[in-house]
């Protein structure tokens, strides 16, 4: 009788524990990506793009009669982002690429807290997904419920055997059963009791092993996520290096194109001077002037070759500008001298109407010389024989202005839209069958803008063109 009371009290206590320790759980009933519902099998491996919207529909199993307010705590990547969130929908946008984990815990104003739920999702489908290992979807709460069920089963079996033993004892008191049969039944009850205790011990050990396995799996998941993040960082670093190399290659190609184009004009000038020496009966004075011009053009070529060598000796390929106090008249005079043989060969007059009173100011003389040389060379190239090419320079209130005007073939309105583009192919053709690379005017624009200046053109088909650029006056 005492044992029966003891077992009854134990059963009542266990039922009380089970009933009073009701487990409240946080749930996610639905998931939407840009208003499209995600089917249940895809919950464990969510993938979204960085510009998509991820919406979670939240829930819990608090009793309907509980009138307290339901709140949610929202964690993203273990960082608390919402403490008193009380809407059933939670939306995530504008996350960085990579693997993220959202954890949500429901609680109410009465102090009850629900077991949190967490989901992994990946922003940017190009990232390899790290699959969440969930151990056949068995949670710690489900394991505890299973243990409670087994305990109830064990207690019920004990009560059954106790009742059977009691009836046997009553039969003995009535004198209807032999003592050895009663003892045999009692031994069987004890054996069953021992077996049940051993089974319970095995279940406890298995529960501990499962918890340990779950802990190890969670560590493995964290390690995989960290490795994945590390790989993403390495990928971004490689992309950055690739873009930098591509930019350096582009700078190198542009600089080489400029340098080799620069060499073409003085080389062409030397060729023109040599042809003058061979084709005309010149005076000693004229021959002397031509020889001086050849020496000047040769010096320009040597300066350009030296500049190319110095550029390749550096780690980057940015074009250097050496700003110094210089004379614009001297630069224009040098350009006219270099192009005089080319103009004379095409029977074109070069007129230098530059201001002689312009003061010196700060600019890169070699670069500005290159820009003016390209404009003058182009003007001669696209002019007809027995015409003029005029170079003017003068001061405005804040700028030095240079104009190069010709009466050549001119350009169409369509040509004017792309005249300063790199490698532009225009409808106008040189009058002497010369070739055009499409780089000269692009180079002029780069040089002028590097001096904080502006360049523009006026032209009409069949009438001619006037190119003008302005440089700010700096002392």
Protein backbone atom coordinates (compact mmCIF):
# COMPACT_ATOMS: atom_id res chain seq x y z
CA UNK A 1 0.00 0.00 0.00
CA UNK A 2 2.82 2.41 0.82
CA UNK A 3 4.49 1.65 -2.51
CA UNK A 4 1.25 2.31 -4.35
CA UNK A 5 0.88 5.71 -2.64
CA UNK A 6 4.52 6.50 -3.45
CA UNK A 7 4.05 5.66 -7.13
CA UNK A 8 0.83 7.67 -7.24
CA UNK A 9 2.56 10.73 -5.79
CA UNK A 10 5.41 10.36 -8.30
CA UNK A 11 2.94 10.17 -11.18
CA UNK A 12 1.07 13.24 -9.92
CA UNK A 13 4.31 15.20 -9.57
CA UNK A 14 5.46 14.22 -13.09
CA UNK A 15 2.11 15.15 -14.62
CA UNK A 16 2.29 18.45 -12.74
CA UNK A 17 5.76 19.11 -14.13
CA UNK A 18 4.65 18.29 -17.67
CA UNK A 19 1.52 20.42 -17.39
CA UNK A 20 3.21 23.39 -15.70
CA UNK A 21 6.25 23.40 -17.94
CA UNK A 22 4.34 23.97 -21.14
CA UNK A 23 6.85 24.81 -23.83
CA UNK A 24 6.08 27.88 -25.91
CA UNK A 25 7.62 27.97 -29.37
CA UNK A 26 8.29 30.70 -31.93
CA UNK A 27 7.23 29.70 -35.45
CA UNK A 28 7.67 30.90 -39.03
CA UNK A 29 4.52 29.93 -40.90
CA UNK A 30 5.44 31.37 -44.31
CA UNK A 31 8.35 32.95 -46.18
CA UNK A 32 8.03 35.25 -49.21
CA UNK A 33 10.71 36.48 -51.65
CA UNK A 34 9.45 39.59 -53.51
CA UNK A 35 5.81 38.58 -52.71
CA UNK A 36 6.40 35.03 -54.03
CA UNK A 37 5.75 32.37 -51.39
CA UNK A 38 8.59 29.91 -50.72
CA UNK A 39 7.49 26.28 -50.60
CA UNK A 40 8.24 24.40 -47.36
CA UNK A 41 11.07 22.14 -48.69
CA UNK A 42 13.10 25.26 -49.60
CA UNK A 43 12.93 26.80 -46.09
CA UNK A 44 16.27 25.25 -45.10
CA UNK A 45 18.20 26.68 -48.07
CA UNK A 46 16.96 30.22 -48.77
CA UNK A 47 18.75 32.16 -51.51
CA UNK A 48 17.97 35.78 -52.38
CA UNK A 49 19.59 38.47 -54.48
CA UNK A 50 20.86 41.65 -52.85
CA UNK A 51 18.06 43.68 -54.46
CA UNK A 52 15.25 41.32 -53.38
CA UNK A 53 12.93 41.56 -50.33
CA UNK A 54 12.70 38.66 -47.86
CA UNK A 55 9.51 38.52 -45.71
CA UNK A 56 8.90 36.19 -42.74
CA UNK A 57 5.35 35.54 -41.42
CA UNK A 58 5.80 35.01 -37.65
CA UNK A 59 3.78 33.01 -35.13
CA UNK A 60 3.78 31.43 -31.64
CA UNK A 61 1.76 28.99 -29.52
CA UNK A 62 0.80 31.27 -26.62
CA UNK A 63 -2.79 30.55 -25.50
CA UNK A 64 -5.56 32.50 -27.19
CA UNK A 65 -7.00 33.51 -23.79
CA UNK A 66 -3.77 35.23 -22.82
CA UNK A 67 -4.57 38.92 -23.29
CA UNK A 68 -0.97 40.11 -22.90
CA UNK A 69 0.86 41.76 -25.83
CA UNK A 70 3.06 39.52 -28.01
CA UNK A 71 6.54 40.85 -28.87
CA UNK A 72 9.39 39.45 -30.94
CA UNK A 73 13.14 39.80 -30.55
CA UNK A 74 14.87 39.81 -33.96
CA UNK A 75 18.55 38.86 -34.24
CA UNK A 76 20.50 38.97 -37.54
CA UNK A 77 23.95 37.33 -37.48
CA UNK A 78 23.73 37.19 -33.64
CA UNK A 79 23.12 40.96 -33.47
CA UNK A 80 19.89 42.23 -31.89
CA UNK A 81 18.12 44.48 -34.41
CA UNK A 82 14.59 44.60 -32.92
CA UNK A 83 13.65 44.28 -29.19
CA UNK A 84 9.92 45.08 -29.03
CA UNK A 85 8.75 44.09 -32.51
CA UNK A 86 4.98 43.30 -32.37
CA UNK A 87 4.00 42.75 -36.03
CA UNK A 88 3.45 39.28 -37.49
CA UNK A 89 5.41 40.18 -40.64
CA UNK A 90 9.14 40.99 -40.67
CA UNK A 91 10.88 42.15 -43.86
CA UNK A 92 14.63 42.16 -44.67
CA UNK A 93 16.19 44.24 -47.48
CA UNK A 94 19.60 45.65 -48.50
CA UNK A 95 21.83 43.01 -46.89
CA UNK A 96 25.40 42.48 -48.03
CA UNK A 97 26.38 39.40 -50.00
CA UNK A 98 27.09 36.30 -47.95
CA UNK A 99 25.57 33.83 -45.50
CA UNK A 100 23.25 35.29 -42.82
CA UNK A 101 21.25 33.79 -39.95
CA UNK A 102 18.04 35.31 -38.58
CA UNK A 103 16.89 34.29 -35.07
CA UNK A 104 13.43 35.21 -33.79
CA UNK A 105 12.08 34.80 -30.21
CA UNK A 106 8.48 35.49 -29.22
CA UNK A 107 7.59 36.70 -25.69
CA UNK A 108 4.66 38.44 -24.06
CA UNK A 109 4.17 41.26 -21.62
CA UNK A 110 3.42 38.72 -18.86
CA UNK A 111 7.03 37.53 -18.92
CA UNK A 112 6.56 34.27 -20.81
CA UNK A 113 9.25 33.54 -23.37
CA UNK A 114 9.02 31.15 -26.33
CA UNK A 115 11.80 28.96 -27.66
CA UNK A 116 13.48 30.93 -30.47
CA UNK A 117 13.65 29.75 -34.09
CA UNK A 118 16.45 30.50 -36.52
CA UNK A 119 16.80 30.28 -40.27
CA UNK A 120 19.80 30.60 -42.54
CA UNK A 121 19.60 32.49 -45.84
CA UNK A 122 22.15 33.47 -48.47
CA UNK A 123 22.31 36.84 -50.21
CA UNK A 124 23.63 36.60 -53.81
CA UNK A 125 22.83 33.24 -55.54
CA UNK A 126 26.42 33.06 -56.85
CA UNK A 127 27.62 32.10 -53.36
CA UNK A 128 27.79 28.36 -52.69
CA UNK A 129 25.11 27.49 -50.16
CA UNK A 130 26.11 26.03 -46.82
CA UNK A 131 23.32 23.50 -46.12
CA UNK A 132 21.93 23.63 -42.58
CA UNK A 133 22.25 20.24 -40.92
CA UNK A 134 19.20 19.77 -38.71
CA UNK A 135 19.61 16.14 -37.56
CA UNK A 136 16.38 14.80 -39.12
CA UNK A 137 14.58 17.93 -37.83
CA UNK A 138 14.78 16.61 -34.18
CA UNK A 139 14.97 19.50 -31.72
CA UNK A 140 15.90 19.49 -28.04
CA UNK A 141 12.26 20.12 -27.10
CA UNK A 142 11.08 17.10 -29.11
CA UNK A 143 13.66 14.92 -27.35
CA UNK A 144 12.39 16.11 -23.94
CA UNK A 145 8.79 15.34 -24.94
CA UNK A 146 9.85 11.86 -26.03
CA UNK A 147 11.54 11.26 -22.68
CA UNK A 148 8.41 12.41 -20.84
CA UNK A 149 6.31 9.95 -22.86
CA UNK A 150 8.69 7.09 -22.08
CA UNK A 151 8.63 7.99 -18.37
CA UNK A 152 4.84 7.94 -18.36
CA UNK A 153 4.90 4.58 -20.09
CA UNK A 154 7.34 3.22 -17.50
CA UNK A 155 5.27 4.52 -14.60
CA UNK A 156 2.10 3.04 -16.10
CA UNK A 157 3.82 -0.32 -16.48
CA UNK A 158 5.03 -0.15 -12.86
CA UNK A 159 1.48 0.56 -11.69
CA UNK A 160 0.21 -2.37 -13.76
CA UNK A 161 2.75 -4.74 -12.23
CA UNK A 162 2.07 -3.35 -8.74
CA UNK A 163 -1.65 -3.98 -9.19
CA UNK A 164 -0.91 -7.50 -10.39
CA UNK A 165 1.33 -8.12 -7.36
CA UNK A 166 -1.37 -6.78 -5.06
CA UNK A 167 -3.95 -9.17 -6.51
CA UNK A 168 -1.51 -12.06 -6.06
CA UNK A 169 -0.99 -11.11 -2.43
CA UNK A 170 -4.72 -10.91 -1.87
CA UNK A 171 -5.06 -14.38 -3.38
CA UNK A 172 -2.46 -15.64 -0.91
CA UNK A 173 -4.39 -14.15 1.98
CA UNK A 174 -7.42 -16.04 0.76
CA UNK A 175 -5.36 -19.21 0.71
CA UNK A 176 -5.98 -19.83 -3.01
CA UNK A 177 -2.39 -19.52 -4.42
CA UNK A 178 0.80 -21.28 -3.49
CA UNK A 179 3.68 -19.29 -2.00
CA UNK A 180 6.27 -20.36 -4.61
CA UNK A 181 4.06 -19.10 -7.51
CA UNK A 182 3.69 -15.74 -5.78
CA UNK A 183 7.44 -15.46 -5.29
CA UNK A 184 7.99 -16.33 -8.95
CA UNK A 185 5.66 -13.52 -10.07
CA UNK A 186 7.37 -11.09 -7.69
CA UNK A 187 10.76 -11.98 -9.12
CA UNK A 188 9.45 -11.36 -12.63
CA UNK A 189 8.19 -7.95 -11.56
CA UNK A 190 11.59 -7.09 -10.12
CA UNK A 191 13.30 -8.28 -13.30
CA UNK A 192 10.99 -6.11 -15.41
CA UNK A 193 11.66 -3.20 -13.10
CA UNK A 194 15.43 -3.65 -13.51
CA UNK A 195 15.06 -3.91 -17.31
CA UNK A 196 12.99 -0.71 -17.39
CA UNK A 197 15.57 1.13 -15.30
CA UNK A 198 18.34 -0.01 -17.64
CA UNK A 199 16.25 1.12 -20.62
CA UNK A 200 15.71 4.50 -19.02
CA UNK A 201 19.48 4.81 -18.38
CA UNK A 202 20.19 4.00 -22.04
CA UNK A 203 17.70 6.65 -23.15
CA UNK A 204 19.39 9.22 -20.89
CA UNK A 205 22.82 8.29 -22.30
CA UNK A 206 21.49 8.48 -25.87
CA UNK A 207 19.98 11.87 -25.15
CA UNK A 208 23.34 13.16 -23.90
CA UNK A 209 25.06 11.73 -26.99
CA UNK A 210 22.52 13.36 -29.29
CA UNK A 211 22.98 16.74 -27.57
CA UNK A 212 26.75 16.41 -27.93
CA UNK A 213 26.35 15.51 -31.62
CA UNK A 214 24.06 18.49 -32.20
CA UNK A 215 26.61 20.79 -30.53
CA UNK A 216 29.41 19.43 -32.73
CA UNK A 217 27.29 19.81 -35.85
CA UNK A 218 26.52 23.44 -34.94
CA UNK A 219 30.27 24.09 -34.55
CA UNK A 220 30.89 22.49 -37.95
CA UNK A 221 28.20 24.70 -39.51
CA UNK A 222 29.77 27.80 -37.98
CA UNK A 223 33.21 26.77 -39.28
CA UNK A 224 31.80 26.22 -42.77
CA UNK A 225 30.09 29.61 -42.71
CA UNK A 226 33.32 31.32 -41.60
CA UNK A 227 35.23 29.51 -44.37
CA UNK A 228 32.61 30.60 -46.89
CA UNK A 229 32.87 34.23 -45.76
CA UNK A 230 36.67 34.01 -46.03
CA UNK A 231 36.37 32.69 -49.58
CA UNK A 232 34.06 35.55 -50.47
CA UNK A 233 36.55 38.09 -49.10
CA UNK A 234 39.34 36.48 -51.13
CA UNK A 235 37.13 36.58 -54.23
CA UNK A 236 36.43 40.29 -53.73
CA UNK A 237 40.16 40.99 -53.26
CA UNK A 238 40.95 39.14 -56.51
CA UNK A 239 38.27 41.08 -58.38
CA UNK A 240 39.71 44.34 -57.04
CA UNK A 241 43.22 43.37 -58.20
CA UNK A 242 41.86 42.34 -61.61
CA UNK A 243 40.14 45.72 -62.05
CA UNK A 244 43.31 47.51 -60.99
CA UNK A 245 45.39 45.57 -63.52
CA UNK A 246 42.84 46.28 -66.24
CA UNK A 247 42.99 49.98 -65.38
CA UNK A 248 46.79 49.96 -65.51
CA UNK A 249 46.69 48.18 -68.87
CA UNK A 250 44.26 50.78 -70.20
CA UNK A 251 46.51 53.60 -68.97
CA UNK A 252 49.51 51.93 -70.59
CA UNK A 253 47.77 51.53 -73.94
CA UNK A 254 46.53 55.14 -73.95
CA UNK A 255 49.93 56.53 -73.00
CA UNK A 256 51.69 54.49 -75.67
CA UNK A 257 49.16 55.65 -78.27
CA UNK A 258 49.82 59.28 -77.30
CA UNK A 259 53.62 58.92 -77.30
CA UNK A 260 53.82 57.16 -80.66
CA UNK A 261 51.38 59.66 -82.16
CA UNK A 262 53.59 62.46 -80.85
CA UNK A 263 56.63 60.98 -82.60
CA UNK A 264 54.78 60.93 -85.93
CA UNK A 265 54.58 64.75 -86.35
CA UNK A 266 58.32 65.59 -85.88
CA UNK A 267 59.26 62.55 -88.01
CA UNK A 268 56.92 63.80 -90.73
CA UNK A 269 58.51 67.25 -90.42
CA UNK A 270 62.02 65.80 -90.91
CA UNK A 271 60.78 63.98 -94.00
CA UNK A 272 59.35 67.25 -95.37
CA UNK A 273 62.59 69.15 -94.76
CA UNK A 274 64.65 66.46 -96.49
CA UNK A 275 62.30 66.56 -99.48
CA UNK A 276 62.72 70.36 -99.64
CA UNK A 277 66.49 69.99 -99.68
CA UNK A 278 66.23 67.52 -102.54
CA UNK A 279 63.55 69.29 -104.60
CA UNK A 280 64.49 72.99 -104.59
CA UNK A 281 67.49 75.10 -105.41
CA UNK A 282 67.87 76.75 -102.03
CA UNK A 283 70.17 79.48 -100.85
CA UNK A 284 72.74 78.80 -98.17
CA UNK A 285 70.56 80.75 -95.68
CA UNK A 286 67.48 78.64 -96.53
CA UNK A 287 69.49 75.42 -96.25
CA UNK A 288 70.80 76.58 -92.87
CA UNK A 289 67.23 77.26 -91.64
CA UNK A 290 66.09 73.84 -92.84
CA UNK A 291 69.00 72.12 -91.10
CA UNK A 292 68.15 73.95 -87.86
CA UNK A 293 64.52 72.82 -88.20
CA UNK A 294 65.65 69.22 -88.76
CA UNK A 295 67.78 69.41 -85.61
CA UNK A 296 64.81 70.86 -83.68
CA UNK A 297 62.48 68.07 -84.88
CA UNK A 298 65.12 65.44 -84.06
CA UNK A 299 65.39 66.89 -80.55
CA UNK A 300 61.61 66.58 -80.16
CA UNK A 301 61.79 62.91 -81.13
CA UNK A 302 64.58 62.27 -78.62
CA UNK A 303 62.58 63.99 -75.86
CA UNK A 304 59.56 61.79 -76.63
CA UNK A 305 61.65 58.60 -76.66
CA UNK A 306 63.19 59.59 -73.30
CA UNK A 307 59.70 60.25 -71.93
CA UNK A 308 58.57 56.77 -73.02
CA UNK A 309 61.59 55.17 -71.32
CA UNK A 310 60.96 57.06 -68.07
CA UNK A 311 57.28 56.07 -68.14
CA UNK A 312 58.06 52.34 -68.41
CA UNK A 313 60.52 52.61 -65.53
CA UNK A 314 57.68 53.64 -63.19
CA UNK A 315 55.17 51.38 -61.47
CA UNK A 316 52.17 53.22 -62.92
CA UNK A 317 51.49 54.57 -66.39
CA UNK A 318 49.95 57.94 -65.59
CA UNK A 319 51.02 60.74 -67.91
CA UNK A 320 53.11 63.33 -66.04
CA UNK A 321 52.66 67.08 -66.40
CA UNK A 322 55.54 69.38 -65.47
CA UNK A 323 54.10 72.82 -64.78
CA UNK A 324 56.56 75.69 -65.03
CA UNK A 325 56.71 79.39 -65.95
CA UNK A 326 56.85 79.32 -69.78
CA UNK A 327 56.38 81.47 -72.90
CA UNK A 328 53.42 80.61 -75.13
CA UNK A 329 54.93 82.65 -78.04
CA UNK A 330 58.07 80.50 -77.96
CA UNK A 331 55.99 77.30 -78.06
CA UNK A 332 53.89 78.53 -81.03
CA UNK A 333 57.00 79.67 -82.93
CA UNK A 334 58.55 76.21 -82.48
CA UNK A 335 55.36 74.51 -83.79
CA UNK A 336 55.27 76.79 -86.87
CA UNK A 337 58.94 76.02 -87.60
CA UNK A 338 58.41 72.25 -87.35
CA UNK A 339 55.36 72.30 -89.69
CA UNK A 340 56.75 74.81 -92.22
CA UNK A 341 58.24 72.15 -94.53
CA UNK A 342 55.00 70.11 -94.50
CA UNK A 343 52.97 73.27 -95.31
CA UNK A 344 55.38 74.39 -98.06
CA UNK A 345 55.22 70.93 -99.67
CA UNK A 346 51.38 71.29 -99.91
CA UNK A 347 51.70 74.97 -101.02
CA UNK A 348 49.96 76.21 -97.87
CA UNK A 349 50.93 79.40 -96.03
CA UNK A 350 51.41 79.22 -92.26
CA UNK A 351 50.57 82.60 -90.67
CA UNK A 352 51.63 83.22 -87.07
CA UNK A 353 49.50 86.09 -85.71
CA UNK A 354 50.26 85.43 -82.03
CA UNK A 355 50.42 88.25 -79.53
CA UNK A 356 53.96 89.37 -78.86
CA UNK A 357 53.12 91.00 -75.54
CA UNK A 358 51.70 87.97 -73.78
CA UNK A 359 53.45 87.44 -70.43
CA UNK A 360 54.86 84.14 -69.29
CA UNK A 361 52.55 81.99 -67.14
CA UNK A 362 52.55 78.48 -65.63
CA UNK A 363 51.83 75.52 -67.92
CA UNK A 364 53.57 72.39 -69.27
CA UNK A 365 55.37 73.66 -72.41
CA UNK A 366 55.96 70.21 -73.93
CA UNK A 367 52.31 69.17 -73.53
CA UNK A 368 50.92 72.46 -74.84
CA UNK A 369 53.37 72.29 -77.74
CA UNK A 370 52.02 68.80 -78.49
CA UNK A 371 48.42 70.09 -78.49
CA UNK A 372 49.15 73.06 -80.79
CA UNK A 373 51.27 70.84 -83.07
CA UNK A 374 48.35 68.42 -83.50
CA UNK A 375 45.98 71.28 -84.39
CA UNK A 376 48.38 72.90 -86.88
CA UNK A 377 49.34 69.56 -88.45
CA UNK A 378 45.62 68.67 -88.84
CA UNK A 379 44.86 72.08 -90.37
CA UNK A 380 47.59 71.58 -93.03
CA UNK A 381 46.47 67.98 -93.62
CA UNK A 382 42.84 68.96 -94.39
CA UNK A 383 43.60 72.21 -96.35
CA UNK A 384 43.71 72.69 -100.13
CA UNK A 385 46.81 74.13 -101.92
CA UNK A 386 47.17 77.91 -102.12
CA UNK A 387 45.28 78.46 -98.85
CA UNK A 388 46.23 79.84 -95.42
CA UNK A 389 46.44 78.25 -91.98
CA UNK A 390 46.40 80.95 -89.30
CA UNK A 391 47.57 80.63 -85.69
CA UNK A 392 46.44 83.30 -83.22
CA UNK A 393 47.05 83.74 -79.50
CA UNK A 394 45.87 86.48 -77.18
CA UNK A 395 44.80 87.19 -73.60
CA UNK A 396 41.29 87.46 -72.18
CA UNK A 397 40.57 88.62 -68.62
CA UNK A 398 41.44 85.25 -67.06
CA UNK A 399 42.70 82.96 -69.85
CA UNK A 400 45.22 82.62 -72.66
CA UNK A 401 43.39 81.70 -75.89
CA UNK A 402 44.89 79.90 -78.91
CA UNK A 403 43.09 79.62 -82.27
CA UNK A 404 44.06 77.53 -85.31
CA UNK A 405 41.95 78.35 -88.39
CA UNK A 406 41.97 76.80 -91.89
CA UNK A 407 39.96 77.09 -95.11
CA UNK A 408 39.93 73.35 -95.72
CA UNK A 409 37.34 70.61 -96.18
CA UNK A 410 35.46 71.32 -92.93
CA UNK A 411 33.17 68.91 -91.04
CA UNK A 412 29.52 67.92 -90.94
CA UNK A 413 27.29 68.34 -87.85
CA UNK A 414 27.52 64.57 -87.30
CA UNK A 415 31.33 64.79 -87.34
CA UNK A 416 31.24 67.59 -84.75
CA UNK A 417 29.39 65.32 -82.28
CA UNK A 418 32.34 62.90 -82.07
CA UNK A 419 35.31 65.02 -83.16
CA UNK A 420 37.14 64.73 -79.79
CA UNK A 421 36.46 61.02 -79.23
CA UNK A 422 39.35 58.55 -79.14
CA UNK A 423 39.84 56.88 -82.55
CA UNK A 424 36.95 58.84 -84.13
CA UNK A 425 36.57 58.23 -87.87
CA UNK A 426 35.22 61.38 -89.56
CA UNK A 427 33.71 61.80 -93.02
CA UNK A 428 36.32 64.41 -94.01
CA UNK A 429 39.43 63.10 -95.83
CA UNK A 430 42.95 64.64 -95.96
CA UNK A 431 43.58 66.60 -99.18
CA UNK A 432 46.96 65.02 -99.91
CA UNK A 433 46.06 61.35 -99.34
CA UNK A 434 47.56 61.36 -95.84
CA UNK A 435 46.45 58.86 -93.20
CA UNK A 436 44.63 59.73 -89.96
CA UNK A 437 44.73 57.74 -86.71
CA UNK A 438 41.81 59.56 -85.06
CA UNK A 439 43.94 60.25 -81.95
CA UNK A 440 45.18 63.83 -82.50
CA UNK A 441 42.10 65.78 -81.36
CA UNK A 442 41.48 63.32 -78.48
CA UNK A 443 45.05 64.05 -77.28
CA UNK A 444 44.44 67.82 -77.56
CA UNK A 445 41.32 67.52 -75.36
CA UNK A 446 43.18 65.46 -72.70
CA UNK A 447 46.06 67.98 -72.52
CA UNK A 448 43.81 71.07 -72.34
CA UNK A 449 41.53 69.55 -69.67
CA UNK A 450 44.59 68.48 -67.64
CA UNK A 451 45.42 72.22 -67.49
CA UNK A 452 41.83 72.97 -66.30
CA UNK A 453 41.13 74.49 -69.71
CA UNK A 454 38.48 74.08 -72.40
CA UNK A 455 38.62 73.23 -76.12
CA UNK A 456 35.92 73.69 -78.75
CA UNK A 457 35.52 73.78 -82.54
CA UNK A 458 33.58 75.69 -85.18
CA UNK A 459 33.33 74.09 -88.61
CA UNK A 460 31.22 73.90 -91.77
CA UNK A 461 31.51 71.37 -94.56
CA UNK A 462 33.44 72.79 -97.56
CA UNK A 463 34.33 76.07 -95.80
CA UNK A 464 36.87 75.16 -93.11
CA UNK A 465 37.37 74.76 -89.37
CA UNK A 466 38.54 76.82 -86.39
CA UNK A 467 39.80 75.04 -83.26
CA UNK A 468 40.11 77.11 -80.07
CA UNK A 469 41.37 76.27 -76.62
CA UNK A 470 41.79 78.32 -73.45
CA UNK A 471 44.27 77.90 -70.59
CA UNK A 472 43.81 79.61 -67.21
CA UNK A 473 46.45 82.22 -66.42
CA UNK A 474 48.50 81.10 -63.42
CA UNK A 475 51.73 82.77 -62.21
